[in-house]
Amino acid sequence: MKAISASRLRKAQEAMIGARPFASQMERVLGGLASQVDTSVHPLLTQRTPDAPERPTLVIVVSADKGLCGGFNTNIVKQAAEVITAAGGAGVTLGLVGRKGRDFFGKRGFDVRFELVNIFAKLKYAHAQAIAREAVAAFTGGEVESVQVVYNEFKNVLKQHVVVSQVLPITPLVSRDLSGEQLPDYLYEPDPAQIFDSLIPRHVEVQFYRALLESAASEHAARLTAMEAATKNATEMVADLTLYMNKLRQAKITGEIIEIVSGAEAI
């Protein structure tokens, strides 16, 4: 399993690194656009008003299809449980990606909107599109107040960080970002509504695709680390047991020699 994860990690890592810049820049551009236009121009930009009735949050939990990857799945489940608890009375509805998350939450009576398992062996952009369709349908249909995704973000082979990211509604940026750089003033052609109709659904798909790629790379890295630690521990255990066996064997031989010598002296 260590060898398999090592062979797959590089490919998954390259795909993840390739998707990061586009997803990050698209998130920044959409956030800038959302801060400069009337949010009523598109349903996926609509923010909840204080007097609106509370609706559940759609929480999409991205876990692995297999185990033996250290704390990868445990950390995801723990963070998702915190999000569910923080939702309070409004409650949540879940989208479960990965067999481990499905097995955990599916048996505990939560409202599950959709399940998607066995996709990481051959991960495709179509899987992100399927998740995006469910999320957009739930949000535009007024069934949920927001859409959040919980996944493991790849830092390096030894470290993965659990992230909770809001996908919908798109969070507007302030007039200046954190670096103090003035955000551009966009000109729209033909008009904002048509641009948003094309751009925002693609943005949602890209964010989910990035989450899937990050999770896939993190899973292989976590399994590689876990299997390496297991191999090291097993090797040490075999060495300790071999030493213990040799000590017992030597003690038995010594005891038999003493019995022979004692018997000879008695004769």
Protein backbone atom coordinates (compact mmCIF):
# COMPACT_ATOMS: atom_id res chain seq x y z
CA MET A 1 0.00 0.00 0.00
CA LYS A 2 2.91 2.32 0.67
CA ALA A 3 4.33 1.66 -2.80
CA ILE A 4 0.96 2.20 -4.47
CA SER A 5 0.36 5.49 -2.64
CA ALA A 6 3.88 6.66 -3.45
CA SER A 7 3.33 5.97 -7.15
CA ARG A 8 -0.05 7.73 -7.19
CA LEU A 9 0.90 10.67 -4.97
CA ARG A 10 3.05 12.43 -7.56
CA LYS A 11 0.32 12.38 -10.19
CA ALA A 12 -2.32 13.53 -7.71
CA GLN A 13 -0.01 16.24 -6.41
CA GLU A 14 0.71 17.56 -9.91
CA ALA A 15 -3.01 17.72 -10.73
CA MET A 16 -3.73 19.50 -7.45
CA ILE A 17 -0.93 22.05 -7.88
CA GLY A 18 -2.08 22.71 -11.44
CA ALA A 19 -5.64 23.46 -10.30
CA ARG A 20 -4.76 25.72 -7.37
CA PRO A 21 -3.81 28.97 -9.18
CA PHE A 22 -6.89 28.95 -11.43
CA ALA A 23 -9.25 28.15 -8.54
CA SER A 24 -7.70 30.78 -6.26
CA GLN A 25 -7.74 33.49 -8.90
CA MET A 26 -11.29 32.65 -9.92
CA GLU A 27 -12.40 32.88 -6.30
CA ARG A 28 -10.71 36.28 -6.00
CA VAL A 29 -12.25 37.59 -9.22
CA LEU A 30 -15.76 36.42 -8.29
CA GLY A 31 -15.37 37.88 -4.82
CA GLY A 32 -14.34 41.19 -6.34
CA LEU A 33 -17.28 41.14 -8.73
CA ALA A 34 -19.71 40.29 -5.94
CA SER A 35 -18.51 43.27 -3.91
CA GLN A 36 -19.15 45.74 -6.75
CA VAL A 37 -22.55 44.67 -8.08
CA ASP A 38 -26.03 44.33 -6.72
CA THR A 39 -26.23 40.78 -5.32
CA SER A 40 -29.77 40.47 -6.68
CA VAL A 41 -28.33 40.33 -10.21
CA HIS A 42 -27.78 36.60 -9.84
CA PRO A 43 -29.35 34.03 -7.45
CA LEU A 44 -25.97 32.51 -6.53
CA LEU A 45 -24.85 35.88 -5.13
CA THR A 46 -27.87 36.36 -2.87
CA GLN A 47 -26.97 36.83 0.78
CA ARG A 48 -29.36 35.94 3.59
CA THR A 49 -31.20 38.91 5.08
CA PRO A 50 -31.60 39.16 8.87
CA ASP A 51 -35.38 38.84 8.70
CA ALA A 52 -35.33 35.79 6.43
CA PRO A 53 -36.37 32.45 7.94
CA GLU A 54 -33.56 30.12 8.93
CA ARG A 55 -32.77 27.31 6.54
CA PRO A 56 -30.33 24.41 6.89
CA THR A 57 -26.78 24.51 5.58
CA LEU A 58 -25.65 22.03 2.94
CA VAL A 59 -22.37 20.59 4.21
CA ILE A 60 -20.43 18.54 1.67
CA VAL A 61 -18.00 16.22 3.45
CA VAL A 62 -15.11 14.89 1.32
CA SER A 63 -13.59 11.77 2.85
CA ALA A 64 -11.72 8.75 1.50
CA ASP A 65 -13.13 5.54 0.08
CA LYS A 66 -10.57 3.44 1.97
CA GLY A 67 -8.97 3.41 5.39
CA LEU A 68 -5.44 2.78 6.67
CA CYS A 69 -4.46 6.42 6.10
CA GLY A 70 -3.78 7.62 9.63
CA GLY A 71 -6.03 10.35 10.97
CA PHE A 72 -7.21 11.47 7.51
CA ASN A 73 -10.82 10.33 7.85
CA THR A 74 -11.01 10.89 11.60
CA ASN A 75 -10.03 14.54 11.25
CA ILE A 76 -12.61 15.08 8.51
CA VAL A 77 -15.41 13.50 10.57
CA LYS A 78 -14.42 15.50 13.64
CA GLN A 79 -14.41 18.82 11.77
CA ALA A 80 -17.70 18.04 10.04
CA ALA A 81 -19.24 17.24 13.43
CA GLU A 82 -18.13 20.67 14.70
CA VAL A 83 -19.76 22.34 11.70
CA ILE A 84 -22.97 20.42 12.34
CA THR A 85 -22.93 21.44 16.01
CA ALA A 86 -22.29 25.09 15.13
CA ALA A 87 -25.30 25.10 12.79
CA GLY A 88 -27.56 24.99 15.85
CA GLY A 89 -31.31 24.99 15.38
CA ALA A 90 -31.17 25.60 11.63
CA GLY A 91 -29.59 22.20 11.17
CA VAL A 92 -27.72 20.80 8.19
CA THR A 93 -28.23 18.57 5.22
CA LEU A 94 -25.24 16.55 4.11
CA GLY A 95 -23.60 15.71 0.83
CA LEU A 96 -21.27 12.76 1.41
CA VAL A 97 -18.34 12.17 -0.91
CA GLY A 98 -16.29 9.09 -0.07
CA ARG A 99 -17.23 5.78 1.47
CA LYS A 100 -15.83 6.48 4.96
CA GLY A 101 -17.86 9.66 5.46
CA ARG A 102 -20.94 7.94 4.03
CA ASP A 103 -20.56 5.01 6.42
CA PHE A 104 -20.15 7.28 9.45
CA PHE A 105 -22.87 9.88 8.90
CA GLY A 106 -25.25 7.65 6.97
CA LYS A 107 -25.78 5.42 10.00
CA ARG A 108 -26.50 8.27 12.42
CA GLY A 109 -29.79 9.57 11.10
CA PHE A 110 -28.60 12.77 9.40
CA ASP A 111 -30.46 14.24 6.46
CA VAL A 112 -28.36 13.17 3.45
CA ARG A 113 -29.09 14.91 0.16
CA PHE A 114 -26.70 12.88 -2.00
CA GLU A 115 -23.87 10.35 -1.83
CA LEU A 116 -20.89 9.89 -4.14
CA VAL A 117 -18.48 7.01 -3.54
CA ASN A 118 -15.70 5.17 -5.37
CA ILE A 119 -14.63 8.19 -7.44
CA PHE A 120 -11.04 8.72 -6.33
CA ALA A 121 -9.64 5.75 -8.25
CA LYS A 122 -10.46 7.62 -11.48
CA LEU A 123 -11.24 11.18 -10.44
CA LYS A 124 -12.72 13.34 -13.21
CA TYR A 125 -14.02 16.88 -13.60
CA ALA A 126 -17.46 15.36 -14.23
CA HIS A 127 -17.59 14.34 -10.56
CA ALA A 128 -17.16 17.98 -9.51
CA GLN A 129 -19.87 18.96 -12.00
CA ALA A 130 -22.27 16.46 -10.44
CA ILE A 131 -21.63 17.86 -6.96
CA ALA A 132 -22.00 21.42 -8.25
CA ARG A 133 -25.37 20.64 -9.84
CA GLU A 134 -26.70 19.32 -6.54
CA ALA A 135 -25.34 22.30 -4.61
CA VAL A 136 -26.67 24.90 -7.05
CA ALA A 137 -30.09 23.22 -7.22
CA ALA A 138 -30.39 23.17 -3.42
CA PHE A 139 -29.29 26.81 -3.06
CA THR A 140 -31.32 28.34 -5.89
CA GLY A 141 -34.36 26.29 -4.87
CA GLY A 142 -34.31 27.90 -1.44
CA GLU A 143 -33.76 24.58 0.31
CA VAL A 144 -30.50 25.63 2.00
CA GLU A 145 -29.08 28.89 3.27
CA SER A 146 -25.48 28.23 2.25
CA VAL A 147 -23.20 25.53 0.87
CA GLN A 148 -19.97 24.58 2.65
CA VAL A 149 -17.38 21.96 1.81
CA VAL A 150 -15.15 20.18 4.33
CA TYR A 151 -11.99 18.60 2.95
CA ASN A 152 -8.31 17.98 3.63
CA GLU A 153 -6.00 20.56 2.08
CA PHE A 154 -2.60 19.24 1.03
CA LYS A 155 0.32 21.04 2.70
CA ASN A 156 3.10 18.51 2.26
CA VAL A 157 3.60 14.77 2.52
CA LEU A 158 3.67 14.91 6.32
CA LYS A 159 0.93 17.49 6.88
CA GLN A 160 -2.67 17.87 5.74
CA HIS A 161 -4.99 20.58 7.03
CA VAL A 162 -8.77 20.27 7.30
CA VAL A 163 -10.51 23.21 5.60
CA VAL A 164 -14.11 24.41 5.86
CA SER A 165 -14.87 26.61 2.86
CA GLN A 166 -18.10 28.38 1.92
CA VAL A 167 -18.86 27.91 -1.76
CA LEU A 168 -22.33 29.50 -1.92
CA PRO A 169 -23.29 32.24 -1.67
CA ILE A 170 -20.10 33.78 -2.99
CA THR A 171 -18.53 35.91 -0.28
CA PRO A 172 -17.87 39.48 -1.50
CA LEU A 173 -14.47 40.99 -0.92
CA VAL A 174 -14.12 44.46 0.58
CA SER A 175 -13.07 47.37 -1.64
CA ARG A 176 -9.44 46.58 -0.84
CA ASP A 177 -7.97 43.15 -0.23
CA LEU A 178 -5.65 42.21 2.63
CA SER A 179 -2.52 43.40 0.84
CA GLY A 180 -3.95 46.89 0.33
CA GLU A 181 -4.07 46.49 -3.44
CA GLN A 182 -6.96 48.30 -5.09
CA LEU A 183 -9.37 45.84 -6.67
CA PRO A 184 -10.02 46.45 -10.38
CA ASP A 185 -13.16 48.19 -11.56
CA TYR A 186 -14.70 45.81 -14.09
CA LEU A 187 -16.49 46.74 -17.30
CA TYR A 188 -19.14 44.26 -18.43
CA GLU A 189 -19.85 43.21 -21.99
CA PRO A 190 -22.57 42.31 -22.78
CA ASP A 191 -23.99 42.70 -19.25
CA PRO A 192 -23.36 41.36 -15.72
CA ALA A 193 -26.34 38.97 -15.73
CA GLN A 194 -25.18 37.06 -18.82
CA ILE A 195 -21.58 36.99 -17.62
CA PHE A 196 -22.58 35.67 -14.20
CA ASP A 197 -24.86 33.04 -15.75
CA SER A 198 -21.79 31.55 -17.44
CA LEU A 199 -19.05 32.36 -14.94
CA ILE A 200 -20.53 31.55 -11.53
CA PRO A 201 -21.60 27.93 -12.26
CA ARG A 202 -18.11 27.28 -13.64
CA HIS A 203 -16.64 28.85 -10.52
CA VAL A 204 -18.66 26.48 -8.30
CA GLU A 205 -17.50 23.47 -10.32
CA VAL A 206 -13.86 24.57 -10.12
CA GLN A 207 -14.00 25.01 -6.34
CA PHE A 208 -15.41 21.53 -5.87
CA TYR A 209 -12.88 20.06 -8.30
CA ARG A 210 -10.06 21.69 -6.36
CA ALA A 211 -11.45 20.23 -3.10
CA LEU A 212 -11.54 16.75 -4.65
CA LEU A 213 -7.98 17.06 -5.97
CA GLU A 214 -6.70 18.35 -2.63
CA SER A 215 -8.41 15.48 -0.83
CA ALA A 216 -7.02 12.88 -3.24
CA ALA A 217 -3.44 14.13 -2.82
CA SER A 218 -3.86 14.37 0.94
CA GLU A 219 -5.19 10.82 1.14
CA HIS A 220 -2.21 9.37 -0.71
CA ALA A 221 0.21 11.40 1.41
CA ALA A 222 -1.51 10.33 4.64
CA ARG A 223 -1.52 6.66 3.58
CA LEU A 224 2.13 6.84 2.53
CA THR A 225 3.08 8.24 5.93
CA ALA A 226 0.89 5.77 7.81
CA MET A 227 2.21 2.74 5.92
CA GLU A 228 5.81 3.90 6.36
CA ALA A 229 5.23 4.21 10.11
CA ALA A 230 3.52 0.80 10.15
CA THR A 231 6.45 -0.78 8.29
CA LYS A 232 8.94 0.76 10.72
CA ASN A 233 6.94 -0.34 13.75
CA ALA A 234 6.53 -3.88 12.36
CA THR A 235 10.27 -4.14 11.67
CA GLU A 236 11.07 -3.02 15.21
CA MET A 237 8.51 -5.46 16.62
CA VAL A 238 9.98 -8.36 14.63
CA ALA A 239 13.47 -7.45 15.89
CA ASP A 240 12.28 -7.28 19.51
CA LEU A 241 10.39 -10.59 19.24
CA THR A 242 13.39 -12.28 17.55
CA LEU A 243 15.65 -11.13 20.38
CA TYR A 244 13.14 -12.34 22.96
CA MET A 245 12.85 -15.70 21.16
CA ASN A 246 16.63 -16.12 21.11
CA LYS A 247 16.84 -15.34 24.83
CA LEU A 248 14.19 -17.96 25.62
CA ARG A 249 15.90 -20.50 23.35
CA GLN A 250 19.27 -19.85 25.02
CA ALA A 251 17.72 -20.13 28.46
CA LYS A 252 16.11 -23.46 27.53
CA ILE A 253 19.38 -24.82 26.16
CA THR A 254 21.22 -23.67 29.27
CA GLY A 255 18.63 -25.34 31.48
CA GLU A 256 18.93 -28.63 29.57
CA ILE A 257 22.74 -28.55 29.86
CA ILE A 258 22.49 -27.96 33.62
CA GLU A 259 20.09 -30.90 33.95
CA ILE A 260 22.47 -33.18 32.00
CA VAL A 261 25.49 -32.11 34.09
CA SER A 262 23.56 -32.49 37.33
CA GLY A 263 22.38 -35.98 36.30
CA ALA A 264 25.94 -37.04 35.38
CA GLU A 265 27.30 -35.87 38.72
CA ALA A 266 24.54 -37.72 40.58
CA ILE A 267 25.47 -40.99 38.80
